[in-house]
């Protein structure tokens, strides 16, 4: 808690205190220690525990709605008009770029990472 305080964080309290873990073993507690830390500006926000959403899991969802201020939203998007010449050019470039790859040599995490970077580059260039 001292560390959270030093980072200007507060511990969120659940709106309704119910267990977050449901043990399959008789005699075991249906509880674990759960912490959700929020920025001081969100101190009044509480989280919800949703036991009805757990399905076959022994743990439940912890849900919190956080306010997002407009100055924190950085959205950059480009769109191509459907069936336009620009869309056709883009799709052709991506198709040709992806066809050049050899997907059979993926034998390590490193080779998968390199392929992912190369695919990203194809889309960026297109």
Protein backbone atom coordinates (compact mmCIF):
# COMPACT_ATOMS: atom_id res chain seq x y z
CA UNK A 1 0.00 0.00 0.00
CA UNK A 2 2.95 2.31 0.65
CA UNK A 3 4.17 1.74 -2.90
CA UNK A 4 0.70 2.50 -4.27
CA UNK A 5 0.60 5.70 -2.21
CA UNK A 6 4.02 6.73 -3.49
CA UNK A 7 2.71 6.35 -7.07
CA UNK A 8 -0.44 8.37 -6.27
CA UNK A 9 -2.67 5.31 -6.62
CA UNK A 10 -5.67 4.35 -4.53
CA UNK A 11 -7.17 0.90 -4.04
CA UNK A 12 -10.60 0.51 -5.60
CA UNK A 13 -13.30 -1.05 -3.44
CA UNK A 14 -15.95 -3.31 -5.00
CA UNK A 15 -19.46 -1.90 -5.36
CA UNK A 16 -20.80 -5.15 -3.89
CA UNK A 17 -18.39 -7.28 -1.82
CA UNK A 18 -18.82 -10.85 -3.08
CA UNK A 19 -16.21 -13.61 -3.53
CA UNK A 20 -13.96 -13.52 -6.57
CA UNK A 21 -12.92 -17.17 -6.39
CA UNK A 22 -15.26 -20.15 -6.12
CA UNK A 23 -13.43 -23.27 -4.97
CA UNK A 24 -14.42 -26.72 -6.20
CA UNK A 25 -13.05 -28.18 -2.97
CA UNK A 26 -15.35 -28.34 0.04
CA UNK A 27 -14.02 -26.43 3.01
CA UNK A 28 -11.81 -24.11 0.93
CA UNK A 29 -12.52 -20.40 1.12
CA UNK A 30 -14.28 -18.78 -1.83
CA UNK A 31 -12.02 -15.80 -1.73
CA UNK A 32 -8.69 -14.45 -2.88
CA UNK A 33 -7.11 -11.07 -2.32
CA UNK A 34 -7.80 -8.85 -5.33
CA UNK A 35 -6.49 -5.34 -5.72
CA UNK A 36 -7.34 -2.83 -8.40
CA UNK A 37 -5.31 0.35 -8.13
CA UNK A 38 -6.50 3.52 -9.79
CA UNK A 39 -5.13 7.01 -10.25
CA UNK A 40 -6.06 9.42 -7.48
CA UNK A 41 -8.33 11.32 -9.90
CA UNK A 42 -10.41 8.13 -10.21
CA UNK A 43 -10.64 7.57 -6.45
CA UNK A 44 -14.45 7.65 -6.43
CA UNK A 45 -14.71 4.89 -9.03
CA UNK A 46 -15.54 1.45 -7.68
CA UNK A 47 -15.29 -1.84 -9.51
CA UNK A 48 -17.89 -4.56 -9.94
CA UNK A 49 -17.46 -8.25 -9.32
CA UNK A 50 -19.56 -10.31 -11.73
CA UNK A 51 -20.04 -13.90 -10.43
CA UNK A 52 -22.79 -14.57 -13.00
CA UNK A 53 -20.25 -14.21 -15.85
CA UNK A 54 -17.78 -16.81 -14.56
CA UNK A 55 -19.30 -19.78 -16.46
CA UNK A 56 -17.03 -22.79 -15.87
CA UNK A 57 -14.14 -20.78 -14.43
CA UNK A 58 -13.49 -20.71 -10.70
CA UNK A 59 -12.65 -16.99 -10.88
CA UNK A 60 -14.99 -14.11 -11.65
CA UNK A 61 -14.56 -10.99 -13.73
CA UNK A 62 -13.54 -7.74 -12.07
CA UNK A 63 -14.97 -4.87 -14.09
CA UNK A 64 -14.24 -1.17 -13.78
CA UNK A 65 -15.43 1.69 -15.96
CA UNK A 66 -12.72 4.29 -16.32
CA UNK A 67 -13.31 7.78 -17.61
CA UNK A 68 -11.23 8.69 -20.62
CA UNK A 69 -10.56 12.34 -21.11
CA UNK A 70 -10.46 13.65 -24.68
CA UNK A 71 -6.83 14.75 -24.39
CA UNK A 72 -5.79 11.10 -23.92
CA UNK A 73 -7.39 9.88 -27.12
CA UNK A 74 -5.00 9.82 -30.06
CA UNK A 75 -6.82 8.24 -32.97
CA UNK A 76 -5.27 8.17 -36.40
CA UNK A 77 -7.05 6.27 -39.09
CA UNK A 78 -6.99 6.14 -42.84
CA UNK A 79 -9.78 4.65 -44.86
CA UNK A 80 -10.03 3.70 -48.50
CA UNK A 81 -13.28 4.01 -50.35
CA UNK A 82 -14.69 0.58 -51.13
CA UNK A 83 -14.10 -0.60 -54.71
CA UNK A 84 -12.01 2.47 -55.46
CA UNK A 85 -8.78 2.49 -57.46
CA UNK A 86 -6.88 3.27 -54.23
CA UNK A 87 -8.39 0.21 -52.50
CA UNK A 88 -7.50 -2.02 -55.46
CA UNK A 89 -3.93 -0.70 -55.50
CA UNK A 90 -3.58 -1.25 -51.74
CA UNK A 91 -4.96 -4.80 -51.87
CA UNK A 92 -2.76 -5.68 -54.83
CA UNK A 93 0.34 -4.39 -53.04
CA UNK A 94 -0.52 -6.34 -49.88
CA UNK A 95 -1.28 -9.48 -51.89
CA UNK A 96 2.01 -9.29 -53.77
CA UNK A 97 3.95 -8.53 -50.58
CA UNK A 98 2.46 -11.47 -48.68
CA UNK A 99 3.01 -13.87 -51.58
CA UNK A 100 6.75 -13.19 -51.36
CA UNK A 101 7.01 -14.69 -47.88
CA UNK A 102 8.01 -18.25 -47.10
CA UNK A 103 5.82 -19.33 -44.18
CA UNK A 104 7.32 -22.83 -43.98
CA UNK A 105 10.51 -21.77 -42.15
CA UNK A 106 8.82 -20.75 -38.92
CA UNK A 107 10.74 -22.81 -36.38
CA UNK A 108 11.36 -20.34 -33.58
CA UNK A 109 9.90 -17.35 -31.80
CA UNK A 110 12.57 -15.18 -33.37
CA UNK A 111 11.62 -16.22 -36.91
CA UNK A 112 7.94 -15.59 -36.11
CA UNK A 113 8.80 -12.12 -34.77
CA UNK A 114 10.78 -11.33 -37.93
CA UNK A 115 7.90 -12.49 -40.12
CA UNK A 116 5.42 -10.38 -38.14
CA UNK A 117 7.65 -7.32 -38.59
CA UNK A 118 7.97 -8.01 -42.30
CA UNK A 119 4.19 -8.39 -42.67
CA UNK A 120 3.70 -5.12 -40.79
CA UNK A 121 6.17 -3.47 -43.19
CA UNK A 122 4.19 -4.76 -46.19
CA UNK A 123 1.04 -3.09 -44.86
CA UNK A 124 2.89 0.12 -43.99
CA UNK A 125 4.41 0.36 -47.46
CA UNK A 126 1.12 -0.45 -49.18
